[in-house]
Amino acid sequence: MADVYLQSACLLVVALLFGGMLLFSAGFAAFLFKYLPPQEARLLIRRAFSLFYMFVIEASGLAMVLFWGSDPFSAAAMACVMLSAVAARQSLMPAINRASDLGLRKRFGWLHGFSVVLTLGHIALAAVVLVHMLP
């Protein structure tokens, strides 16, 4: 019976991670830039991304712990998401902000593009784990 609860918890946490990342990246960010002036949208998105990365770090870390003893593949996938999100929050995000502040458009473009690819990779890994959990 405990296995059923553990599997259910794993499923819910990874589904929350997948849905949250998808909603934030495809919905919230696009919404801000559509309905706010560009400068206001940039300021708000800067503040939100710090919280977004914390959400990804915490949810993937919890999923990793829940998977630890029962599913090494999923635990490793969630560890990859968590560790790369830590690096993105601590290094990539400040570099993107610096490039934007200094008007370094080409550097900003490369760094932002990398962050988009990284987030898509996180979403894909969460999807792979969800599919992996199917009976």
Protein backbone atom coordinates (compact mmCIF):
# COMPACT_ATOMS: atom_id res chain seq x y z
CA MET A 1 0.00 0.00 0.00
CA ALA A 2 2.87 2.39 0.77
CA ASP A 3 4.15 1.85 -2.80
CA VAL A 4 0.84 3.12 -4.20
CA TYR A 5 1.07 6.29 -2.11
CA LEU A 6 4.71 6.83 -3.07
CA GLN A 7 3.96 6.34 -6.78
CA SER A 8 1.00 8.69 -6.50
CA ALA A 9 3.15 11.34 -4.81
CA CYS A 10 5.82 10.96 -7.50
CA LEU A 11 3.25 11.30 -10.25
CA LEU A 12 1.67 14.38 -8.70
CA VAL A 13 4.98 16.17 -8.07
CA VAL A 14 6.31 15.52 -11.58
CA ALA A 15 2.97 16.49 -13.13
CA LEU A 16 3.03 19.72 -11.09
CA LEU A 17 6.59 20.39 -12.26
CA PHE A 18 5.73 19.69 -15.91
CA GLY A 19 2.55 21.77 -15.86
CA GLY A 20 4.08 24.61 -13.88
CA MET A 21 7.06 24.95 -16.21
CA LEU A 22 4.86 24.77 -19.29
CA LEU A 23 2.36 27.31 -17.95
CA PHE A 24 5.03 29.76 -16.84
CA SER A 25 7.20 29.60 -19.94
CA ALA A 26 4.48 29.40 -22.59
CA GLY A 27 1.67 31.22 -20.80
CA PHE A 28 2.76 33.71 -18.18
CA ALA A 29 5.79 35.16 -19.96
CA ALA A 30 3.90 35.55 -23.25
CA PHE A 31 0.96 37.09 -21.39
CA LEU A 32 3.19 39.72 -19.73
CA PHE A 33 4.77 40.81 -22.98
CA LYS A 34 1.41 40.97 -24.71
CA TYR A 35 -0.44 43.06 -22.11
CA LEU A 36 2.24 45.19 -20.45
CA PRO A 37 4.58 47.82 -21.86
CA PRO A 38 7.96 46.20 -22.66
CA GLN A 39 9.88 47.85 -19.79
CA GLU A 40 7.27 46.84 -17.18
CA ALA A 41 7.11 43.31 -18.58
CA ARG A 42 10.92 42.99 -18.37
CA LEU A 43 10.99 44.13 -14.75
CA LEU A 44 8.20 41.77 -13.73
CA ILE A 45 9.64 38.81 -15.61
CA ARG A 46 13.01 39.36 -13.90
CA ARG A 47 11.39 39.09 -10.51
CA ALA A 48 9.25 36.13 -11.53
CA PHE A 49 12.13 34.09 -12.97
CA SER A 50 13.89 33.89 -9.64
CA LEU A 51 10.72 32.38 -8.15
CA PHE A 52 10.24 30.17 -11.22
CA TYR A 53 13.70 28.66 -10.79
CA MET A 54 13.08 28.11 -7.07
CA PHE A 55 9.86 26.27 -7.96
CA VAL A 56 11.75 24.07 -10.45
CA ILE A 57 14.57 23.41 -7.98
CA GLU A 58 12.22 22.51 -5.13
CA ALA A 59 9.77 20.40 -7.15
CA SER A 60 12.47 18.47 -9.01
CA GLY A 61 14.41 18.00 -5.75
CA LEU A 62 11.31 16.62 -4.03
CA ALA A 63 10.63 14.33 -6.99
CA MET A 64 14.24 13.13 -6.89
CA VAL A 65 13.94 12.25 -3.20
CA LEU A 66 10.61 10.48 -3.73
CA PHE A 67 12.02 8.43 -6.63
CA TRP A 68 15.33 7.72 -4.88
CA GLY A 69 14.75 4.17 -3.66
CA SER A 70 12.30 2.95 -6.28
CA ASP A 71 13.20 4.42 -9.68
CA PRO A 72 16.87 5.33 -10.28
CA PHE A 73 16.21 6.57 -13.84
CA SER A 74 13.57 9.07 -12.72
CA ALA A 75 15.61 10.11 -9.69
CA ALA A 76 18.60 10.83 -11.96
CA ALA A 77 16.44 12.76 -14.44
CA MET A 78 15.02 14.91 -11.66
CA ALA A 79 18.52 15.43 -10.22
CA CYS A 80 19.63 16.74 -13.65
CA VAL A 81 16.70 19.15 -13.73
CA MET A 82 17.38 20.32 -10.19
CA LEU A 83 21.13 20.83 -10.61
CA SER A 84 20.85 22.60 -13.95
CA ALA A 85 18.10 24.84 -12.55
CA VAL A 86 20.41 25.78 -9.66
CA ALA A 87 23.13 26.70 -12.17
CA ALA A 88 20.64 28.66 -14.26
CA ARG A 89 19.33 30.59 -11.28
CA GLN A 90 22.74 31.36 -9.81
CA SER A 91 24.79 31.97 -12.97
CA LEU A 92 22.76 32.12 -16.16
CA MET A 93 19.98 34.41 -14.93
CA PRO A 94 22.39 37.09 -13.58
CA ALA A 95 24.40 36.92 -16.82
CA ILE A 96 21.24 37.43 -18.88
CA ASN A 97 20.26 40.40 -16.71
CA ARG A 98 23.75 41.94 -16.99
CA ALA A 99 23.76 41.58 -20.77
CA SER A 100 20.33 43.21 -20.94
CA ASP A 101 21.34 46.06 -18.60
CA LEU A 102 24.51 46.77 -20.59
CA GLY A 103 22.70 46.68 -23.93
CA LEU A 104 24.71 43.70 -25.17
CA ARG A 105 22.02 42.48 -27.54
CA LYS A 106 23.96 39.66 -29.18
CA ARG A 107 25.17 38.27 -25.83
CA PHE A 108 21.68 38.63 -24.39
CA GLY A 109 20.27 36.77 -27.39
CA TRP A 110 22.66 33.84 -26.98
CA LEU A 111 22.18 33.61 -23.22
CA HIS A 112 18.41 33.96 -23.43
CA GLY A 113 18.31 31.38 -26.21
CA PHE A 114 20.31 28.99 -24.05
CA SER A 115 17.90 29.53 -21.14
CA VAL A 116 14.96 28.76 -23.43
CA VAL A 117 16.61 25.54 -24.64
CA LEU A 118 17.42 24.61 -21.04
CA THR A 119 13.81 25.16 -19.95
CA LEU A 120 12.55 23.13 -22.90
CA GLY A 121 14.96 20.40 -21.83
CA HIS A 122 13.55 20.51 -18.30
CA ILE A 123 10.01 20.25 -19.65
CA ALA A 124 11.03 17.35 -21.91
CA LEU A 125 12.74 15.49 -19.06
CA ALA A 126 9.66 15.86 -16.88
CA ALA A 127 7.55 14.53 -19.77
CA VAL A 128 9.90 11.57 -20.21
CA VAL A 129 9.60 10.76 -16.52
CA LEU A 130 5.82 10.98 -16.70
CA VAL A 131 5.73 8.61 -19.68
CA HIS A 132 8.25 6.34 -17.95
CA MET A 133 5.82 6.04 -15.05
CA LEU A 134 3.02 4.67 -17.25
CA PRO A 135 2.23 1.01 -16.60
